[in-house]
């Protein structure tokens, strides 16, 4: 299975913050959700991918090519969707297209027009009049209109209402049906990833925690609930973190099978959501 993105032992420092020994891959033909709390390194990682920042050490390859040496070739094959307006607000979408089109050798006007029609976007209205949802559709139309193979999205659903978020996710799902595109999707809204992500990449405090298939997370990790009398110095070591209350405890474990062996039917074991995974990992780090 081909890796579209590969990080190998990447370090990057900014004063008190560090990305530390990031080694990860993004598989071709799938949607990879990129998760982590505020300030843990998601935006820095994306800027490194886009060659907007250089690593202090380690290597980054996109499509099997060095991301710095082959920057122009790589960027011809990437579409980027940002969470804010990156277009000239005083221009129309048609005028913005005329500025962007010469940048891409494979720009396809027919494809662009098909997305504009599909998304019901006005070509001749000022971009400043666009709603947040229209802006996301416009960004996606432009990202796809040069036959991009890799779509990198940085918080694209932030600020969208639930109905439009669902519509936007359905659009992404349909885009992936040809099996030729790859989406790398950074978001704080983990329920979006529950719906569409094939893989989840999780970073915390500048460290790569894991990249796993979505179903593996629910098979391997567990939310465990039980009475506090079950906890002692040894059993607490089975958990990433624990939240205790007068009623008992709730904890996250990384090895569901091990929990079943240790506690048997004395505890309630549930599948974790991505949000719970992030919450308890952060709590455990503290």
Protein backbone atom coordinates (compact mmCIF):
# COMPACT_ATOMS: atom_id res chain seq x y z
CA UNK A 1 0.00 0.00 0.00
CA UNK A 2 1.52 3.31 -1.13
CA UNK A 3 2.24 6.07 1.36
CA UNK A 4 1.37 9.53 0.04
CA UNK A 5 3.01 11.27 3.03
CA UNK A 6 5.94 10.02 5.10
CA UNK A 7 7.56 11.70 8.10
CA UNK A 8 10.73 10.06 9.40
CA UNK A 9 12.13 11.19 12.77
CA UNK A 10 11.09 14.82 12.25
CA UNK A 11 11.97 17.39 14.91
CA UNK A 12 10.95 21.06 14.97
CA UNK A 13 11.46 23.50 17.86
CA UNK A 14 9.78 26.83 18.62
CA UNK A 15 10.97 28.20 21.94
CA UNK A 16 9.14 26.14 24.55
CA UNK A 17 7.35 23.92 21.99
CA UNK A 18 8.79 20.94 20.16
CA UNK A 19 7.66 18.41 17.62
CA UNK A 20 9.59 15.37 18.82
CA UNK A 21 10.66 12.47 16.62
CA UNK A 22 7.52 12.45 14.44
CA UNK A 23 7.42 9.33 12.28
CA UNK A 24 4.10 8.73 10.54
CA UNK A 25 2.54 7.82 7.20
CA UNK A 26 -0.63 8.72 5.29
CA UNK A 27 -1.99 5.97 3.03
CA UNK A 28 -3.06 6.57 -0.55
CA UNK A 29 -6.77 6.41 -1.31
CA UNK A 30 -8.07 6.96 2.22
CA UNK A 31 -9.28 9.73 4.53
CA UNK A 32 -6.92 10.23 7.46
CA UNK A 33 -8.26 12.28 10.37
CA UNK A 34 -5.62 14.30 12.19
CA UNK A 35 -6.48 14.92 15.84
CA UNK A 36 -5.00 16.56 18.93
CA UNK A 37 -5.82 19.43 21.27
CA UNK A 38 -4.91 23.09 20.88
CA UNK A 39 -1.22 23.81 20.63
CA UNK A 40 -0.06 20.19 20.29
CA UNK A 41 1.51 20.59 16.85
CA UNK A 42 -1.21 19.97 14.24
CA UNK A 43 -0.77 23.25 12.36
CA UNK A 44 3.02 22.97 12.57
CA UNK A 45 2.84 19.48 11.08
CA UNK A 46 0.69 20.71 8.18
CA UNK A 47 3.06 23.64 7.53
CA UNK A 48 5.94 21.17 7.40
CA UNK A 49 4.02 19.09 4.85
CA UNK A 50 3.44 22.17 2.73
CA UNK A 51 7.12 23.24 2.98
CA UNK A 52 6.07 26.45 4.74
CA UNK A 53 8.39 25.38 7.55
CA UNK A 54 11.58 23.34 7.47
CA UNK A 55 12.28 20.56 9.99
CA UNK A 56 15.29 20.92 12.28
CA UNK A 57 16.07 17.29 11.50
CA UNK A 58 14.47 14.25 9.91
CA UNK A 59 12.94 13.83 6.46
CA UNK A 60 9.55 14.45 4.84
CA UNK A 61 8.41 12.96 1.55
CA UNK A 62 5.20 13.54 -0.39
CA UNK A 63 4.33 11.13 -3.22
CA UNK A 64 7.71 9.53 -2.56
CA UNK A 65 9.50 12.82 -3.34
CA UNK A 66 11.54 15.00 -1.02
CA UNK A 67 9.17 17.79 0.01
CA UNK A 68 11.79 20.52 -0.38
CA UNK A 69 13.71 19.39 -3.45
CA UNK A 70 10.52 18.69 -5.43
CA UNK A 71 8.30 21.41 -3.93
CA UNK A 72 6.88 22.75 -7.20
CA UNK A 73 6.04 19.32 -8.57
CA UNK A 74 4.43 18.25 -5.29
CA UNK A 75 2.29 21.38 -4.96
CA UNK A 76 0.90 20.81 -8.44
CA UNK A 77 -0.62 17.61 -7.04
CA UNK A 78 -1.98 19.04 -3.75
CA UNK A 79 -5.21 20.89 -3.01
CA UNK A 80 -5.49 22.82 0.25
CA UNK A 81 -8.67 23.77 2.14
CA UNK A 82 -8.20 26.15 5.04
CA UNK A 83 -10.62 27.12 7.80
CA UNK A 84 -10.52 30.83 6.91
CA UNK A 85 -10.96 32.82 3.72
CA UNK A 86 -7.67 32.83 1.78
CA UNK A 87 -9.18 34.52 -1.30
CA UNK A 88 -9.39 38.21 -2.17
CA UNK A 89 -12.70 39.22 -0.63
CA UNK A 90 -13.32 42.08 -3.08
CA UNK A 91 -13.18 39.74 -6.10
CA UNK A 92 -15.80 37.41 -7.50
CA UNK A 93 -15.22 33.65 -7.64
CA UNK A 94 -14.82 33.91 -11.41
CA UNK A 95 -12.13 36.57 -10.99
CA UNK A 96 -10.38 34.55 -8.30
CA UNK A 97 -10.32 31.53 -10.59
CA UNK A 98 -8.55 33.58 -13.27
CA UNK A 99 -5.78 34.42 -10.77
CA UNK A 100 -5.36 30.84 -9.58
CA UNK A 101 -5.73 28.99 -12.89
CA UNK A 102 -2.26 29.87 -14.33
CA UNK A 103 -0.59 28.38 -11.24
CA UNK A 104 -1.59 24.83 -12.17
CA UNK A 105 -0.52 22.97 -15.30
CA UNK A 106 -3.49 20.58 -15.03
CA UNK A 107 -6.15 23.18 -14.30
CA UNK A 108 -9.47 22.02 -15.77
CA UNK A 109 -12.12 24.69 -16.40
CA UNK A 110 -14.75 22.09 -17.20
CA UNK A 111 -14.11 20.36 -13.87
CA UNK A 112 -14.21 23.68 -12.01
CA UNK A 113 -17.51 24.61 -13.63
CA UNK A 114 -18.98 21.21 -12.78
CA UNK A 115 -18.18 21.75 -9.08
CA UNK A 116 -19.53 25.30 -9.16
CA UNK A 117 -22.77 23.98 -10.60
CA UNK A 118 -22.91 21.02 -8.23
CA UNK A 119 -22.29 23.22 -5.17
CA UNK A 120 -24.64 25.97 -6.46
CA UNK A 121 -21.96 28.66 -6.14
CA UNK A 122 -22.45 32.14 -7.64
CA UNK A 123 -19.56 32.97 -9.99
CA UNK A 124 -20.23 36.68 -10.15
CA UNK A 125 -20.85 37.62 -6.53
CA UNK A 126 -18.12 39.15 -4.39
CA UNK A 127 -16.43 36.55 -2.21
CA UNK A 128 -16.97 38.80 0.81
CA UNK A 129 -20.71 38.05 0.48
CA UNK A 130 -20.16 34.29 0.79
CA UNK A 131 -21.33 32.41 3.85
CA UNK A 132 -18.91 30.13 5.70
CA UNK A 133 -20.43 27.12 3.96
CA UNK A 134 -20.17 28.71 0.51
CA UNK A 135 -16.55 29.57 1.26
CA UNK A 136 -15.75 25.95 2.07
CA UNK A 137 -17.41 24.81 -1.15
CA UNK A 138 -15.47 27.42 -3.13
CA UNK A 139 -12.19 26.34 -1.53
CA UNK A 140 -12.93 22.71 -2.26
CA UNK A 141 -13.90 23.49 -5.88
CA UNK A 142 -10.58 25.21 -6.48
CA UNK A 143 -8.63 22.53 -4.60
CA UNK A 144 -10.10 19.82 -6.85
CA UNK A 145 -10.08 21.62 -10.20
CA UNK A 146 -6.45 20.90 -11.02
CA UNK A 147 -6.94 17.16 -10.47
CA UNK A 148 -5.26 17.23 -7.06
CA UNK A 149 -4.35 13.79 -5.75
CA UNK A 150 -3.87 14.88 -2.12
CA UNK A 151 -6.33 17.19 -0.36
CA UNK A 152 -5.01 18.71 2.88
CA UNK A 153 -7.70 20.25 5.08
CA UNK A 154 -7.01 22.34 8.17
CA UNK A 155 -10.19 22.61 10.30
CA UNK A 156 -12.52 22.86 7.25
CA UNK A 157 -15.74 22.27 9.23
CA UNK A 158 -14.97 24.73 12.03
CA UNK A 159 -17.81 27.21 12.37
CA UNK A 160 -20.19 25.35 10.08
CA UNK A 161 -23.67 24.50 11.28
CA UNK A 162 -24.41 20.77 11.87
CA UNK A 163 -26.60 20.39 8.77
CA UNK A 164 -24.02 21.85 6.43
CA UNK A 165 -21.20 19.92 8.13
CA UNK A 166 -23.02 16.71 7.31
CA UNK A 167 -23.53 17.82 3.72
CA UNK A 168 -19.84 18.74 3.46
CA UNK A 169 -18.80 15.31 4.78
CA UNK A 170 -21.06 13.63 2.22
CA UNK A 171 -19.29 15.64 -0.49
CA UNK A 172 -15.91 14.39 0.74
CA UNK A 173 -17.22 10.83 0.83
CA UNK A 174 -18.37 11.09 -2.79
CA UNK A 175 -15.04 12.59 -3.89
CA UNK A 176 -13.23 9.53 -2.56
CA UNK A 177 -15.21 7.00 -4.57
CA UNK A 178 -12.75 6.80 -7.48
CA UNK A 179 -10.04 5.55 -5.11
CA UNK A 180 -7.45 7.91 -6.59
CA UNK A 181 -7.53 10.73 -4.06
CA UNK A 182 -6.25 11.02 -0.51
CA UNK A 183 -7.60 13.38 2.16
CA UNK A 184 -5.67 14.50 5.25
CA UNK A 185 -8.25 16.13 7.51
CA UNK A 186 -7.28 18.09 10.64
CA UNK A 187 -10.18 18.88 12.95
CA UNK A 188 -11.29 19.49 16.52
CA UNK A 189 -14.78 18.18 15.69
CA UNK A 190 -14.13 14.52 16.30
CA UNK A 191 -17.68 13.43 15.47
CA UNK A 192 -16.91 14.35 11.84
CA UNK A 193 -14.12 11.79 11.84
CA UNK A 194 -16.37 9.17 13.40
CA UNK A 195 -18.44 9.49 10.22
CA UNK A 196 -15.83 9.46 7.45
CA UNK A 197 -12.24 8.74 8.57
CA UNK A 198 -10.55 5.50 7.52
CA UNK A 199 -7.45 6.22 9.62
CA UNK A 200 -6.83 8.39 12.68
CA UNK A 201 -3.48 10.04 13.37
CA UNK A 202 -3.23 11.33 16.95
CA UNK A 203 -0.56 13.71 18.21
CA UNK A 204 -0.22 15.08 21.73
CA UNK A 205 2.30 17.55 23.13
CA UNK A 206 4.37 17.36 19.96
CA UNK A 207 4.53 13.57 19.92
CA UNK A 208 2.95 11.09 17.51
CA UNK A 209 0.78 8.85 19.69
CA UNK A 210 -0.49 6.56 16.93
CA UNK A 211 -1.85 6.16 13.42
CA UNK A 212 -4.52 3.46 13.36
CA UNK A 213 -7.45 2.34 11.29
CA UNK A 214 -10.60 3.78 12.81
CA UNK A 215 -12.07 0.41 13.71
CA UNK A 216 -8.83 -0.60 15.46
CA UNK A 217 -9.29 2.18 18.01
CA UNK A 218 -12.62 0.77 19.12
CA UNK A 219 -11.26 -2.77 19.12
CA UNK A 220 -8.10 -2.01 21.09
CA UNK A 221 -9.01 0.88 23.41
CA UNK A 222 -11.76 0.77 26.04
CA UNK A 223 -13.63 3.03 28.42
CA UNK A 224 -13.78 1.12 31.70
CA UNK A 225 -16.27 1.83 34.51
CA UNK A 226 -16.34 0.22 37.92
CA UNK A 227 -16.21 0.59 41.67
CA UNK A 228 -13.25 2.30 43.35
CA UNK A 229 -12.64 -0.79 45.47
CA UNK A 230 -11.19 -2.41 42.32
CA UNK A 231 -8.39 0.13 42.16
CA UNK A 232 -5.01 -0.22 43.78
CA UNK A 233 -1.45 0.66 42.80
CA UNK A 234 -1.19 -2.31 40.43
CA UNK A 235 -4.59 -2.15 38.74
CA UNK A 236 -4.30 1.61 38.15
CA UNK A 237 -1.24 0.89 36.00
CA UNK A 238 -3.58 -0.72 33.45
CA UNK A 239 -5.04 2.66 32.49
CA UNK A 240 -3.88 5.69 30.53
CA UNK A 241 -5.81 7.88 32.95
CA UNK A 242 -8.59 7.56 35.51
CA UNK A 243 -11.42 9.83 36.63
CA UNK A 244 -12.70 9.02 40.11
CA UNK A 245 -15.97 10.08 41.75
CA UNK A 246 -18.07 9.05 44.72
CA UNK A 247 -19.91 6.62 42.45
CA UNK A 248 -16.77 4.85 41.23
CA UNK A 249 -14.25 5.34 38.45
CA UNK A 250 -14.12 5.79 34.69
CA UNK A 251 -10.86 5.23 32.85
CA UNK A 252 -9.28 4.78 29.42
CA UNK A 253 -7.30 1.64 28.68
CA UNK A 254 -5.18 0.94 25.60
CA UNK A 255 -5.56 -2.85 25.79
CA UNK A 256 -9.16 -4.00 25.94
CA UNK A 257 -8.23 -7.70 26.06
CA UNK A 258 -5.91 -7.11 29.02
CA UNK A 259 -8.69 -5.32 30.93
CA UNK A 260 -11.02 -8.27 30.35
CA UNK A 261 -8.35 -10.61 31.75
CA UNK A 262 -7.63 -8.47 34.82
CA UNK A 263 -11.15 -7.43 35.80
CA UNK A 264 -13.42 -10.00 34.16
CA UNK A 265 -17.08 -9.07 34.53
CA UNK A 266 -16.45 -6.79 37.53
CA UNK A 267 -16.31 -3.71 35.27
CA UNK A 268 -18.35 -2.26 32.42
CA UNK A 269 -16.34 -2.00 29.19
CA UNK A 270 -17.44 0.40 26.43
CA UNK A 271 -16.07 1.49 23.07
CA UNK A 272 -14.40 4.92 23.29
CA UNK A 273 -15.21 7.87 21.07
CA UNK A 274 -12.33 9.83 19.54
CA UNK A 275 -13.23 12.70 21.88
CA UNK A 276 -12.88 10.43 24.92
CA UNK A 277 -9.55 9.19 23.62
CA UNK A 278 -8.26 12.75 23.39
CA UNK A 279 -9.68 13.78 26.78
CA UNK A 280 -8.22 10.92 28.77
CA UNK A 281 -4.84 11.07 27.00
CA UNK A 282 -4.58 14.76 27.90
CA UNK A 283 -5.68 14.02 31.47
CA UNK A 284 -3.09 11.27 31.75
CA UNK A 285 -0.32 13.53 30.46
CA UNK A 286 -1.13 16.04 33.19
